Amino acid sequence: MTGKPGKVTQREIARIAGVSQTTVSMVLNDRDGSNIRIPDATRERVRRAIEQSTYVADPAARRLAGLDNKILGVFTYESALTPESMDFYGPLLNGIERAAESLGCDLLFFTSSPVEEGRRRLFHRNTRLRLADGCVLLGQQMDGEDLERLVAESFPFVAVGRRDETDAPVPYVGIDYGALTGRLLDRAVELGHEKVLYLHRDLNSPTARDRLAAIGRAPGALAVAPFIVGDDLSDLPQVVARSGATAVFAEDAFLVEDAALVLADPSLSLAALAEVRGHRIGGRTLSGFHTPRQQVAAEALALLQQLISTPAEEHGGIEIQRLLQGEVALGETLILRGGTR
């Protein structure tokens, strides 16, 4: 086959397969294989001609022929490539890239839907979702109606992070923040702490709820007081003093760093209920979690590929909701009550 690279035409497919152009058209338009006039051997020759072509086949034609495009979509509800968001998204995107390479797939990053009021709409008129065989969804908060629609339409997708925005069976791979939070609270008790102030923003996300649920199950020897903060932390020293807390935890490393600047009290224990790699306070390593975010991304892409390659009616045999375990990172900021460890 010669010529400039481009879309495979029906005429070129017919020549490769050794059939008529009419036969190719019949195969491409016979989605369910119900046309008994097309022998299975002929149908397979047409499919193989599309698959083995050195040209870039039209995604719609490949799907009609029952072939995967080897294109996996990535959709982020928030802007992912800003300096502020790369701390969260960077390891995930890196894991997705590596997994796609190992699977021999290309990634299609959906960016045509604009970010409006901090969020991107999945079913925006510009989003070309169907160009991909399936899609990985990223975002601290997701739209429950989007998830329900994807499930209802049997479009292969996997969300990164536990999802509870809908009762629909949403495929996801996430981190067990509830278990990690419980283990860090147990460590605070072992160090003699009796009162902890937990700083968080009023975020209505599954992971935020997981942390709060674990705090509600804190050991009886530990009183944890959740406190919602805004941009102004100037009154935080008074809040800590009134609470009697000897430790201040926060929902992420950036918030606990901001709090430490305002509090300026080295006797307070500090920790983040989130990833803390690379974060230090006053030269001390920050206590918190080490989370396998690259592994989460890789498993999400592997699960997506499994859903794509398995008929929808057989998805019941696949474990579609998975939580991975991280590690509690005991840095130098979680100290023995009244002194050092």
C-alpha atoms as a PDB file:
ATOM      1  CA  MET A   1       0.000   0.000   0.000  1.00  0.00           C
ATOM      2  CA  THR A   2       1.464   3.336  -1.039  1.00  0.00           C
ATOM      3  CA  GLY A   3       0.651   6.972  -0.713  1.00  0.00           C
ATOM      4  CA  LYS A   4       0.729   9.562   1.992  1.00  0.00           C
ATOM      5  CA  PRO A   5      -0.368   8.580   5.499  1.00  0.00           C
ATOM      6  CA  GLY A   6      -3.995   9.354   6.136  1.00  0.00           C
ATOM      7  CA  LYS A   7      -7.320   7.734   6.850  1.00  0.00           C
ATOM      8  CA  VAL A   8      -7.938   4.278   5.461  1.00  0.00           C
ATOM      9  CA  THR A   9     -10.541   4.420   2.729  1.00  0.00           C
ATOM     10  CA  GLN A  10     -12.976   1.624   2.004  1.00  0.00           C
ATOM     11  CA  ARG A  11     -11.373   1.211  -1.400  1.00  0.00           C
ATOM     12  CA  GLU A  12      -7.921   0.669   0.136  1.00  0.00           C
ATOM     13  CA  ILE A  13      -9.294  -1.752   2.738  1.00  0.00           C
ATOM     14  CA  ALA A  14     -11.037  -3.694  -0.042  1.00  0.00           C
ATOM     15  CA  ARG A  15      -7.789  -3.999  -2.011  1.00  0.00           C
ATOM     16  CA  ILE A  16      -5.853  -5.257   1.043  1.00  0.00           C
ATOM     17  CA  ALA A  17      -8.572  -7.740   2.006  1.00  0.00           C
ATOM     18  CA  GLY A  18      -9.157  -8.919  -1.557  1.00  0.00           C
ATOM     19  CA  VAL A  19     -12.886  -8.154  -1.470  1.00  0.00           C
ATOM     20  CA  SER A  20     -15.170  -5.633  -3.078  1.00  0.00           C
ATOM     21  CA  GLN A  21     -15.691  -2.125  -1.705  1.00  0.00           C
ATOM     22  CA  THR A  22     -19.363  -3.016  -1.268  1.00  0.00           C
ATOM     23  CA  THR A  23     -18.388  -5.917   1.002  1.00  0.00           C
ATOM     24  CA  VAL A  24     -16.217  -3.627   3.106  1.00  0.00           C
ATOM     25  CA  SER A  25     -19.108  -1.195   3.477  1.00  0.00           C
ATOM     26  CA  MET A  26     -21.422  -4.021   4.529  1.00  0.00           C
ATOM     27  CA  VAL A  27     -18.941  -5.221   7.189  1.00  0.00           C
ATOM     28  CA  LEU A  28     -18.376  -1.740   8.609  1.00  0.00           C
ATOM     29  CA  ASN A  29     -22.075  -1.058   8.903  1.00  0.00           C
ATOM     30  CA  ASP A  30     -23.009  -4.451  10.316  1.00  0.00           C
ATOM     31  CA  ARG A  31     -22.317  -3.615  13.984  1.00  0.00           C
ATOM     32  CA  ASP A  32     -23.840  -6.729  15.542  1.00  0.00           C
ATOM     33  CA  GLY A  33     -22.794  -9.256  12.882  1.00  0.00           C
ATOM     34  CA  SER A  34     -26.400 -10.092  12.069  1.00  0.00           C
ATOM     35  CA  ASN A  35     -25.999  -9.900   8.266  1.00  0.00           C
ATOM     36  CA  ILE A  36     -25.811 -13.577   7.338  1.00  0.00           C
ATOM     37  CA  ARG A  37     -24.780 -12.695   3.777  1.00  0.00           C
ATOM     38  CA  ILE A  38     -21.261 -11.929   5.039  1.00  0.00           C
ATOM     39  CA  PRO A  39     -19.248 -15.103   5.733  1.00  0.00           C
ATOM     40  CA  ASP A  40     -17.223 -15.058   8.938  1.00  0.00           C
ATOM     41  CA  ALA A  41     -14.001 -15.578   6.979  1.00  0.00           C
ATOM     42  CA  THR A  42     -14.721 -12.510   4.829  1.00  0.00           C
ATOM     43  CA  ARG A  43     -15.601 -10.433   7.875  1.00  0.00           C
ATOM     44  CA  GLU A  44     -12.327 -11.447   9.525  1.00  0.00           C
ATOM     45  CA  ARG A  45     -10.298 -10.530   6.414  1.00  0.00           C
ATOM     46  CA  VAL A  46     -11.795  -7.049   6.441  1.00  0.00           C
ATOM     47  CA  ARG A  47     -11.123  -6.633  10.151  1.00  0.00           C
ATOM     48  CA  ARG A  48      -7.539  -7.805   9.698  1.00  0.00           C
ATOM     49  CA  ALA A  49      -7.003  -5.436   6.794  1.00  0.00           C
ATOM     50  CA  ILE A  50      -7.979  -2.501   8.992  1.00  0.00           C
ATOM     51  CA  GLU A  51      -5.886  -3.695  11.919  1.00  0.00           C
ATOM     52  CA  GLN A  52      -2.733  -4.412   9.943  1.00  0.00           C
ATOM     53  CA  SER A  53      -2.840  -1.291   7.807  1.00  0.00           C
ATOM     54  CA  THR A  54       0.071   1.111   8.108  1.00  0.00           C
ATOM     55  CA  TYR A  55      -2.363   3.983   7.762  1.00  0.00           C
ATOM     56  CA  VAL A  56      -4.249   5.705  10.580  1.00  0.00           C
ATOM     57  CA  ALA A  57      -7.710   4.202  10.409  1.00  0.00           C
ATOM     58  CA  ASP A  58     -10.777   6.308  11.035  1.00  0.00           C
ATOM     59  CA  PRO A  59     -11.706   5.728  14.727  1.00  0.00           C
ATOM     60  CA  ALA A  60     -15.384   5.330  13.885  1.00  0.00           C
ATOM     61  CA  ALA A  61     -14.624   2.785  11.153  1.00  0.00           C
ATOM     62  CA  ARG A  62     -12.411   0.764  13.466  1.00  0.00           C
ATOM     63  CA  ARG A  63     -15.102   0.685  16.137  1.00  0.00           C
ATOM     64  CA  LEU A  64     -17.745  -0.383  13.626  1.00  0.00           C
ATOM     65  CA  ALA A  65     -15.435  -3.214  12.644  1.00  0.00           C
ATOM     66  CA  GLY A  66     -15.183  -4.271  16.278  1.00  0.00           C
ATOM     67  CA  LEU A  67     -11.596  -3.085  16.718  1.00  0.00           C
ATOM     68  CA  ASP A  68     -10.066  -1.014  19.483  1.00  0.00           C
ATOM     69  CA  ASN A  69      -8.411   2.247  18.496  1.00  0.00           C
ATOM     70  CA  LYS A  70      -5.727   1.806  21.168  1.00  0.00           C
ATOM     71  CA  ILE A  71      -6.607   5.344  22.265  1.00  0.00           C
ATOM     72  CA  LEU A  72      -7.351   5.899  25.956  1.00  0.00           C
ATOM     73  CA  GLY A  73      -8.825   9.199  27.086  1.00  0.00           C
ATOM     74  CA  VAL A  74      -7.822  11.251  30.118  1.00  0.00           C
ATOM     75  CA  PHE A  75     -10.325  13.752  31.493  1.00  0.00           C
ATOM     76  CA  THR A  76      -9.629  16.069  34.429  1.00  0.00           C
ATOM     77  CA  TYR A  77     -12.441  17.965  36.125  1.00  0.00           C
ATOM     78  CA  GLU A  78      -9.972  20.628  37.244  1.00  0.00           C
ATOM     79  CA  SER A  79      -7.011  22.163  35.447  1.00  0.00           C
ATOM     80  CA  ALA A  80      -4.223  19.609  35.820  1.00  0.00           C
ATOM     81  CA  LEU A  81      -1.128  21.292  34.405  1.00  0.00           C
ATOM     82  CA  THR A  82      -0.897  24.431  36.527  1.00  0.00           C
ATOM     83  CA  PRO A  83       1.981  24.772  39.034  1.00  0.00           C
ATOM     84  CA  GLU A  84      -0.533  24.633  41.899  1.00  0.00           C
ATOM     85  CA  SER A  85      -2.152  21.385  40.746  1.00  0.00           C
ATOM     86  CA  MET A  86       0.911  19.438  39.607  1.00  0.00           C
ATOM     87  CA  ASP A  87       1.709  18.316  43.171  1.00  0.00           C
ATOM     88  CA  PHE A  88      -1.521  16.308  43.048  1.00  0.00           C
ATOM     89  CA  TYR A  89      -1.808  15.483  39.349  1.00  0.00           C
ATOM     90  CA  GLY A  90       1.870  15.049  38.449  1.00  0.00           C
ATOM     91  CA  PRO A  91       2.401  11.531  39.873  1.00  0.00           C
ATOM     92  CA  LEU A  92      -0.986  10.406  38.523  1.00  0.00           C
ATOM     93  CA  LEU A  93      -0.274  11.630  34.994  1.00  0.00           C
ATOM     94  CA  ASN A  94       3.196  10.097  35.140  1.00  0.00           C
ATOM     95  CA  GLY A  95       1.731   6.741  36.151  1.00  0.00           C
ATOM     96  CA  ILE A  96      -0.870   6.918  33.392  1.00  0.00           C
ATOM     97  CA  GLU A  97       1.767   7.743  30.778  1.00  0.00           C
ATOM     98  CA  ARG A  98       3.967   4.810  31.788  1.00  0.00           C
ATOM     99  CA  ALA A  99       1.041   2.393  31.887  1.00  0.00           C
ATOM    100  CA  ALA A 100      -0.195   3.513  28.458  1.00  0.00           C
ATOM    101  CA  GLU A 101       3.267   2.953  27.017  1.00  0.00           C
ATOM    102  CA  SER A 102       3.408  -0.566  28.439  1.00  0.00           C
ATOM    103  CA  LEU A 103      -0.046  -1.329  27.005  1.00  0.00           C
ATOM    104  CA  GLY A 104       0.900   0.022  23.577  1.00  0.00           C
ATOM    105  CA  CYS A 105      -1.836   2.657  23.741  1.00  0.00           C
ATOM    106  CA  ASP A 106      -1.959   6.360  22.940  1.00  0.00           C
ATOM    107  CA  LEU A 107      -3.409   8.916  25.344  1.00  0.00           C
ATOM    108  CA  LEU A 108      -5.957  11.529  24.339  1.00  0.00           C
ATOM    109  CA  PHE A 109      -6.080  14.396  26.845  1.00  0.00           C
ATOM    110  CA  PHE A 110      -9.547  15.975  26.702  1.00  0.00           C
ATOM    111  CA  THR A 111      -9.078  19.724  27.031  1.00  0.00           C
ATOM    112  CA  SER A 112     -11.638  21.174  24.600  1.00  0.00           C
ATOM    113  CA  SER A 113     -14.227  21.554  27.346  1.00  0.00           C
ATOM    114  CA  PRO A 114     -13.350  24.808  29.151  1.00  0.00           C
ATOM    115  CA  VAL A 115     -12.854  25.060  32.909  1.00  0.00           C
ATOM    116  CA  GLU A 116     -15.747  27.165  34.194  1.00  0.00           C
ATOM    117  CA  GLU A 117     -16.037  28.107  37.880  1.00  0.00           C
ATOM    118  CA  GLY A 118     -13.161  25.757  38.645  1.00  0.00           C
ATOM    119  CA  ARG A 119     -14.615  22.695  36.926  1.00  0.00           C
ATOM    120  CA  ARG A 120     -14.676  21.135  33.476  1.00  0.00           C
ATOM    121  CA  ARG A 121     -17.832  19.526  32.094  1.00  0.00           C
ATOM    122  CA  LEU A 122     -17.433  15.980  30.792  1.00  0.00           C
ATOM    123  CA  PHE A 123     -20.409  16.116  28.448  1.00  0.00           C
ATOM    124  CA  HIS A 124     -19.686  19.567  27.087  1.00  0.00           C
ATOM    125  CA  ARG A 125     -20.554  19.935  23.389  1.00  0.00           C
ATOM    126  CA  ASN A 126     -16.836  20.195  22.555  1.00  0.00           C
ATOM    127  CA  THR A 127     -15.739  17.022  24.351  1.00  0.00           C
ATOM    128  CA  ARG A 128     -14.853  14.301  21.834  1.00  0.00           C
ATOM    129  CA  LEU A 129     -15.244  11.447  24.299  1.00  0.00           C
ATOM    130  CA  ARG A 130     -16.163   8.808  21.719  1.00  0.00           C
ATOM    131  CA  LEU A 131     -12.840   9.116  19.913  1.00  0.00           C
ATOM    132  CA  ALA A 132     -11.322   7.040  22.723  1.00  0.00           C
ATOM    133  CA  ASP A 133     -11.946   3.381  23.519  1.00  0.00           C
ATOM    134  CA  GLY A 134     -12.424   4.400  27.138  1.00  0.00           C
ATOM    135  CA  CYS A 135     -11.480   7.128  29.576  1.00  0.00           C
ATOM    136  CA  VAL A 136      -9.732   7.690  32.905  1.00  0.00           C
ATOM    137  CA  LEU A 137     -11.384  10.391  35.029  1.00  0.00           C
ATOM    138  CA  LEU A 138      -9.335  12.535  37.408  1.00  0.00           C
ATOM    139  CA  GLY A 139     -10.612  15.110  39.857  1.00  0.00           C
ATOM    140  CA  GLN A 140     -11.018  15.849  43.528  1.00  0.00           C
ATOM    141  CA  GLN A 141     -14.742  16.266  42.911  1.00  0.00           C
ATOM    142  CA  MET A 142     -16.742  14.604  40.146  1.00  0.00           C
ATOM    143  CA  ASP A 143     -20.255  15.038  38.825  1.00  0.00           C
ATOM    144  CA  GLY A 144     -22.578  12.234  39.934  1.00  0.00           C
ATOM    145  CA  GLU A 145     -24.794  12.677  36.867  1.00  0.00           C
ATOM    146  CA  ASP A 146     -21.766  12.269  34.592  1.00  0.00           C
ATOM    147  CA  LEU A 147     -20.847   9.025  36.333  1.00  0.00           C
ATOM    148  CA  GLU A 148     -24.407   7.703  36.140  1.00  0.00           C
ATOM    149  CA  ARG A 149     -24.615   8.503  32.428  1.00  0.00           C
ATOM    150  CA  LEU A 150     -21.316   6.754  31.661  1.00  0.00           C
ATOM    151  CA  VAL A 151     -22.484   3.650  33.537  1.00  0.00           C
ATOM    152  CA  ALA A 152     -25.897   3.704  31.831  1.00  0.00           C
ATOM    153  CA  GLU A 153     -24.324   4.004  28.381  1.00  0.00           C
ATOM    154  CA  SER A 154     -21.806   1.208  29.139  1.00  0.00           C
ATOM    155  CA  PHE A 155     -18.946   3.469  28.082  1.00  0.00           C
ATOM    156  CA  PRO A 156     -15.701   2.041  29.506  1.00  0.00           C
ATOM    157  CA  PHE A 157     -14.232   4.358  32.131  1.00  0.00           C
ATOM    158  CA  VAL A 158     -12.370   4.280  35.442  1.00  0.00           C
ATOM    159  CA  ALA A 159     -12.340   7.047  38.035  1.00  0.00           C
ATOM    160  CA  VAL A 160      -9.214   7.707  40.071  1.00  0.00           C
ATOM    161  CA  GLY A 161     -10.183   7.899  43.728  1.00  0.00           C
ATOM    162  CA  ARG A 162     -13.079   6.365  45.630  1.00  0.00           C
ATOM    163  CA  ARG A 163     -16.435   7.655  44.364  1.00  0.00           C
ATOM    164  CA  ASP A 164     -19.717   7.961  46.236  1.00  0.00           C
ATOM    165  CA  GLU A 165     -21.402  10.732  44.235  1.00  0.00           C
ATOM    166  CA  THR A 166     -23.884   8.164  42.936  1.00  0.00           C
ATOM    167  CA  ASP A 167     -25.166   4.710  43.831  1.00  0.00           C
ATOM    168  CA  ALA A 168     -24.324   3.508  40.310  1.00  0.00           C
ATOM    169  CA  PRO A 169     -21.513   0.902  40.132  1.00  0.00           C
ATOM    170  CA  VAL A 170     -18.687   3.281  39.257  1.00  0.00           C
ATOM    171  CA  PRO A 171     -15.340   1.626  38.437  1.00  0.00           C
ATOM    172  CA  TYR A 172     -12.564   3.242  40.449  1.00  0.00           C
ATOM    173  CA  VAL A 173      -9.064   2.771  41.850  1.00  0.00           C
ATOM    174  CA  GLY A 174      -8.158   4.852  44.873  1.00  0.00           C
ATOM    175  CA  ILE A 175      -6.249   5.082  48.135  1.00  0.00           C
ATOM    176  CA  ASP A 176      -7.695   4.008  51.474  1.00  0.00           C
ATOM    177  CA  TYR A 177      -7.416   7.373  53.253  1.00  0.00           C
ATOM    178  CA  GLY A 178      -9.725   6.194  56.027  1.00  0.00           C
ATOM    179  CA  ALA A 179      -7.364   3.417  57.077  1.00  0.00           C
ATOM    180  CA  LEU A 180      -4.325   5.700  56.845  1.00  0.00           C
ATOM    181  CA  THR A 181      -6.023   8.364  58.966  1.00  0.00           C
ATOM    182  CA  GLY A 182      -6.917   5.809  61.624  1.00  0.00           C
ATOM    183  CA  ARG A 183      -3.325   4.571  61.828  1.00  0.00           C
ATOM    184  CA  LEU A 184      -1.933   8.102  62.180  1.00  0.00           C
ATOM    185  CA  LEU A 185      -4.414   8.865  64.958  1.00  0.00           C
ATOM    186  CA  ASP A 186      -3.331   5.685  66.746  1.00  0.00           C
ATOM    187  CA  ARG A 187       0.247   6.899  66.534  1.00  0.00           C
ATOM    188  CA  ALA A 188      -0.758  10.249  68.059  1.00  0.00           C
ATOM    189  CA  VAL A 189      -2.262   8.391  71.032  1.00  0.00           C
ATOM    190  CA  GLU A 190       0.937   6.367  71.456  1.00  0.00           C
ATOM    191  CA  LEU A 191       2.856   9.642  71.655  1.00  0.00           C
ATOM    192  CA  GLY A 192       0.626  10.844  74.479  1.00  0.00           C
ATOM    193  CA  HIS A 193      -1.647  13.268  72.641  1.00  0.00           C
ATOM    194  CA  GLU A 194      -5.182  13.639  73.957  1.00  0.00           C
ATOM    195  CA  LYS A 195      -6.520  16.530  71.865  1.00  0.00           C
ATOM    196  CA  VAL A 196      -5.991  17.162  68.162  1.00  0.00           C
ATOM    197  CA  LEU A 197      -7.292  20.030  66.035  1.00  0.00           C
ATOM    198  CA  TYR A 198      -8.057  18.946  62.457  1.00  0.00           C
ATOM    199  CA  LEU A 199      -7.974  21.734  59.875  1.00  0.00           C
ATOM    200  CA  HIS A 200      -9.911  21.206  56.685  1.00  0.00           C
ATOM    201  CA  ARG A 201     -11.751  23.087  54.013  1.00  0.00           C
ATOM    202  CA  ASP A 202     -15.441  22.529  53.405  1.00  0.00           C
ATOM    203  CA  LEU A 203     -14.817  20.128  50.519  1.00  0.00           C
ATOM    204  CA  ASN A 204     -17.561  17.684  49.691  1.00  0.00           C
ATOM    205  CA  SER A 205     -15.396  14.941  48.193  1.00  0.00           C
ATOM    206  CA  PRO A 206     -15.284  11.198  48.979  1.00  0.00           C
ATOM    207  CA  THR A 207     -11.708  11.369  50.288  1.00  0.00           C
ATOM    208  CA  ALA A 208     -12.585  14.310  52.544  1.00  0.00           C
ATOM    209  CA  ARG A 209     -15.522  12.331  53.893  1.00  0.00           C
ATOM    210  CA  ASP A 210     -13.285   9.279  54.404  1.00  0.00           C
ATOM    211  CA  ARG A 211     -10.908  11.316  56.556  1.00  0.00           C
ATOM    212  CA  LEU A 212     -13.739  12.790  58.621  1.00  0.00           C
ATOM    213  CA  ALA A 213     -15.337   9.368  59.072  1.00  0.00           C
ATOM    214  CA  ALA A 214     -12.039   7.979  60.382  1.00  0.00           C
ATOM    215  CA  ILE A 215     -11.741  10.955  62.744  1.00  0.00           C
ATOM    216  CA  GLY A 216     -15.221  10.111  64.030  1.00  0.00           C
ATOM    217  CA  ARG A 217     -13.889   6.639  64.882  1.00  0.00           C
ATOM    218  CA  ALA A 218     -10.815   8.008  66.700  1.00  0.00           C
ATOM    219  CA  PRO A 219      -9.626   6.054  69.755  1.00  0.00           C
ATOM    220  CA  GLY A 220     -11.473   6.938  72.958  1.00  0.00           C
ATOM    221  CA  ALA A 221      -8.280   8.371  74.450  1.00  0.00           C
ATOM    222  CA  LEU A 222      -8.102  10.988  71.684  1.00  0.00           C
ATOM    223  CA  ALA A 223     -10.453  13.927  71.095  1.00  0.00           C
ATOM    224  CA  VAL A 224     -10.243  15.272  67.542  1.00  0.00           C
ATOM    225  CA  ALA A 225     -11.982  18.573  66.794  1.00  0.00           C
ATOM    226  CA  PRO A 226     -12.570  19.292  63.077  1.00  0.00           C
ATOM    227  CA  PHE A 227     -12.249  22.981  62.223  1.00  0.00           C
ATOM    228  CA  ILE A 228     -13.164  24.472  58.841  1.00  0.00           C
ATOM    229  CA  VAL A 229     -10.714  27.133  57.671  1.00  0.00           C
ATOM    230  CA  GLY A 230     -10.767  29.754  54.966  1.00  0.00           C
ATOM    231  CA  ASP A 231      -8.009  31.814  53.373  1.00  0.00           C
ATOM    232  CA  ASP A 232      -7.398  33.847  56.538  1.00  0.00           C
ATOM    233  CA  LEU A 233      -5.658  31.835  59.264  1.00  0.00           C
ATOM    234  CA  SER A 234      -4.796  34.796  61.494  1.00  0.00           C
ATOM    235  CA  ASP A 235      -7.107  33.640  64.301  1.00  0.00           C
ATOM    236  CA  LEU A 236      -5.665  30.111  64.320  1.00  0.00           C
ATOM    237  CA  PRO A 237      -3.416  30.635  67.406  1.00  0.00           C
ATOM    238  CA  GLN A 238      -6.476  31.594  69.454  1.00  0.00           C
ATOM    239  CA  VAL A 239      -8.425  28.609  68.116  1.00  0.00           C
ATOM    240  CA  VAL A 240      -5.611  26.221  69.060  1.00  0.00           C
ATOM    241  CA  ALA A 241      -5.280  27.773  72.510  1.00  0.00           C
ATOM    242  CA  ARG A 242      -9.021  27.433  73.205  1.00  0.00           C
ATOM    243  CA  SER A 243      -9.054  23.823  72.007  1.00  0.00           C
ATOM    244  CA  GLY A 244      -6.173  22.762  74.224  1.00  0.00           C
ATOM    245  CA  ALA A 245      -4.784  20.763  71.305  1.00  0.00           C
ATOM    246  CA  THR A 246      -1.190  19.558  71.417  1.00  0.00           C
ATOM    247  CA  ALA A 247      -1.279  18.488  67.786  1.00  0.00           C
ATOM    248  CA  VAL A 248      -2.609  20.122  64.641  1.00  0.00           C
ATOM    249  CA  PHE A 249      -3.453  17.955  61.637  1.00  0.00           C
ATOM    250  CA  ALA A 250      -4.584  19.253  58.255  1.00  0.00           C
ATOM    251  CA  GLU A 251      -6.178  17.768  55.166  1.00  0.00           C
ATOM    252  CA  ASP A 252      -3.101  18.401  52.974  1.00  0.00           C
ATOM    253  CA  ALA A 253       0.542  19.367  53.260  1.00  0.00           C
ATOM    254  CA  PHE A 254       0.060  22.905  51.968  1.00  0.00           C
ATOM    255  CA  LEU A 255      -2.557  23.726  54.587  1.00  0.00           C
ATOM    256  CA  VAL A 256      -0.437  22.437  57.453  1.00  0.00           C
ATOM    257  CA  GLU A 257       2.549  24.428  56.142  1.00  0.00           C
ATOM    258  CA  ASP A 258       0.426  27.609  56.110  1.00  0.00           C
ATOM    259  CA  ALA A 259      -0.819  26.836  59.611  1.00  0.00           C
ATOM    260  CA  ALA A 260       2.730  26.306  60.902  1.00  0.00           C
ATOM    261  CA  LEU A 261       3.752  29.765  59.685  1.00  0.00           C
ATOM    262  CA  VAL A 262       0.882  31.362  61.611  1.00  0.00           C
ATOM    263  CA  LEU A 263       1.285  29.264  64.750  1.00  0.00           C
ATOM    264  CA  ALA A 264       5.095  29.441  64.992  1.00  0.00           C
ATOM    265  CA  ASP A 265       5.031  26.992  67.917  1.00  0.00           C
ATOM    266  CA  PRO A 266       7.682  24.227  67.730  1.00  0.00           C
ATOM    267  CA  SER A 267       6.074  22.416  70.658  1.00  0.00           C
ATOM    268  CA  LEU A 268       2.988  21.583  68.575  1.00  0.00           C
ATOM    269  CA  SER A 269       2.897  18.312  66.693  1.00  0.00           C
ATOM    270  CA  LEU A 270       1.991  18.734  63.035  1.00  0.00           C
ATOM    271  CA  ALA A 271       0.816  16.273  60.396  1.00  0.00           C
ATOM    272  CA  ALA A 272      -1.048  16.157  57.101  1.00  0.00           C
ATOM    273  CA  LEU A 273      -3.641  13.506  56.277  1.00  0.00           C
ATOM    274  CA  ALA A 274      -2.238  13.382  52.756  1.00  0.00           C
ATOM    275  CA  GLU A 275       0.928  12.833  50.722  1.00  0.00           C
ATOM    276  CA  VAL A 276       3.915  14.560  52.365  1.00  0.00           C
ATOM    277  CA  ARG A 277       6.902  13.602  50.208  1.00  0.00           C
ATOM    278  CA  GLY A 278       9.135  16.638  49.757  1.00  0.00           C
ATOM    279  CA  HIS A 279       7.387  18.731  52.431  1.00  0.00           C
ATOM    280  CA  ARG A 280       9.306  20.121  55.401  1.00  0.00           C
ATOM    281  CA  ILE A 281       8.475  22.584  58.175  1.00  0.00           C
ATOM    282  CA  GLY A 282      11.301  24.510  59.795  1.00  0.00           C
ATOM    283  CA  GLY A 283      13.756  22.003  58.382  1.00  0.00           C
ATOM    284  CA  ARG A 284      11.817  19.072  59.864  1.00  0.00           C
ATOM    285  CA  THR A 285      10.243  16.379  57.701  1.00  0.00           C
ATOM    286  CA  LEU A 286       6.466  16.563  57.740  1.00  0.00           C
ATOM    287  CA  SER A 287       4.460  13.653  59.138  1.00  0.00           C
ATOM    288  CA  GLY A 288       1.610  12.269  57.083  1.00  0.00           C
ATOM    289  CA  PHE A 289       1.200   9.662  54.342  1.00  0.00           C
ATOM    290  CA  HIS A 290       3.207   8.163  51.533  1.00  0.00           C
ATOM    291  CA  THR A 291       0.616   7.232  48.919  1.00  0.00           C
ATOM    292  CA  PRO A 292       1.143   5.007  45.847  1.00  0.00           C
ATOM    293  CA  ARG A 293      -0.298   7.502  43.372  1.00  0.00           C
ATOM    294  CA  GLN A 294       1.665   6.208  40.382  1.00  0.00           C
ATOM    295  CA  GLN A 295       0.484   2.686  41.181  1.00  0.00           C
ATOM    296  CA  VAL A 296      -3.115   3.937  41.446  1.00  0.00           C
ATOM    297  CA  ALA A 297      -2.843   5.483  37.983  1.00  0.00           C
ATOM    298  CA  ALA A 298      -1.271   2.358  36.495  1.00  0.00           C
ATOM    299  CA  GLU A 299      -3.942   0.087  37.978  1.00  0.00           C
ATOM    300  CA  ALA A 300      -6.685   2.443  36.798  1.00  0.00           C
ATOM    301  CA  LEU A 301      -5.396   2.205  33.229  1.00  0.00           C
ATOM    302  CA  ALA A 302      -5.019  -1.584  33.478  1.00  0.00           C
ATOM    303  CA  LEU A 303      -8.601  -1.868  34.783  1.00  0.00           C
ATOM    304  CA  LEU A 304      -9.808   0.369  31.949  1.00  0.00           C
ATOM    305  CA  GLN A 305      -8.111  -1.860  29.387  1.00  0.00           C
ATOM    306  CA  GLN A 306      -9.748  -4.886  31.004  1.00  0.00           C
ATOM    307  CA  LEU A 307     -13.195  -3.274  30.789  1.00  0.00           C
ATOM    308  CA  ILE A 308     -12.620  -2.358  27.147  1.00  0.00           C
ATOM    309  CA  SER A 309     -11.537  -5.865  26.160  1.00  0.00           C
ATOM    310  CA  THR A 310     -14.311  -7.638  28.092  1.00  0.00           C
ATOM    311  CA  PRO A 311     -17.929  -7.703  26.854  1.00  0.00           C
ATOM    312  CA  ALA A 312     -20.171  -5.488  29.011  1.00  0.00           C
ATOM    313  CA  GLU A 313     -22.326  -8.447  30.035  1.00  0.00           C
ATOM    314  CA  GLU A 314     -19.237 -10.087  31.595  1.00  0.00           C
ATOM    315  CA  HIS A 315     -18.125  -7.077  33.658  1.00  0.00           C
ATOM    316  CA  GLY A 316     -19.762  -8.628  36.724  1.00  0.00           C
ATOM    317  CA  GLY A 317     -16.742 -10.917  37.033  1.00  0.00           C
ATOM    318  CA  ILE A 318     -14.307  -7.990  37.305  1.00  0.00           C
ATOM    319  CA  GLU A 319     -13.389  -6.288  40.575  1.00  0.00           C
ATOM    320  CA  ILE A 320     -14.205  -2.747  39.463  1.00  0.00           C
ATOM    321  CA  GLN A 321     -13.703  -0.912  42.779  1.00  0.00           C
ATOM    322  CA  ARG A 322     -10.270  -1.097  44.329  1.00  0.00           C
ATOM    323  CA  LEU A 323      -8.592   0.714  47.235  1.00  0.00           C
ATOM    324  CA  LEU A 324      -4.818   0.537  47.599  1.00  0.00           C
ATOM    325  CA  GLN A 325      -2.956   0.841  50.887  1.00  0.00           C
ATOM    326  CA  GLY A 326      -0.403   3.577  51.534  1.00  0.00           C
ATOM    327  CA  GLU A 327       2.025   4.060  54.395  1.00  0.00           C
ATOM    328  CA  VAL A 328       2.023   6.331  57.425  1.00  0.00           C
ATOM    329  CA  ALA A 329       5.104   8.547  57.224  1.00  0.00           C
ATOM    330  CA  LEU A 330       6.343   9.450  60.713  1.00  0.00           C
ATOM    331  CA  GLY A 331       8.337  12.595  60.084  1.00  0.00           C
ATOM    332  CA  GLU A 332       9.990  14.880  62.607  1.00  0.00           C
ATOM    333  CA  THR A 333       6.902  17.057  63.131  1.00  0.00           C
ATOM    334  CA  LEU A 334       4.901  14.450  65.060  1.00  0.00           C
ATOM    335  CA  ILE A 335       6.555  14.553  68.458  1.00  0.00           C
ATOM    336  CA  LEU A 336       6.038  13.106  71.910  1.00  0.00           C
ATOM    337  CA  ARG A 337       3.662  15.227  73.948  1.00  0.00           C
ATOM    338  CA  GLY A 338       5.768  17.624  76.000  1.00  0.00           C
ATOM    339  CA  GLY A 339       9.027  16.852  74.202  1.00  0.00           C
ATOM    340  CA  THR A 340      10.725  15.024  71.370  1.00  0.00           C
ATOM    341  CA  ARG A 341      10.464  11.430  70.332  1.00  0.00           C
END
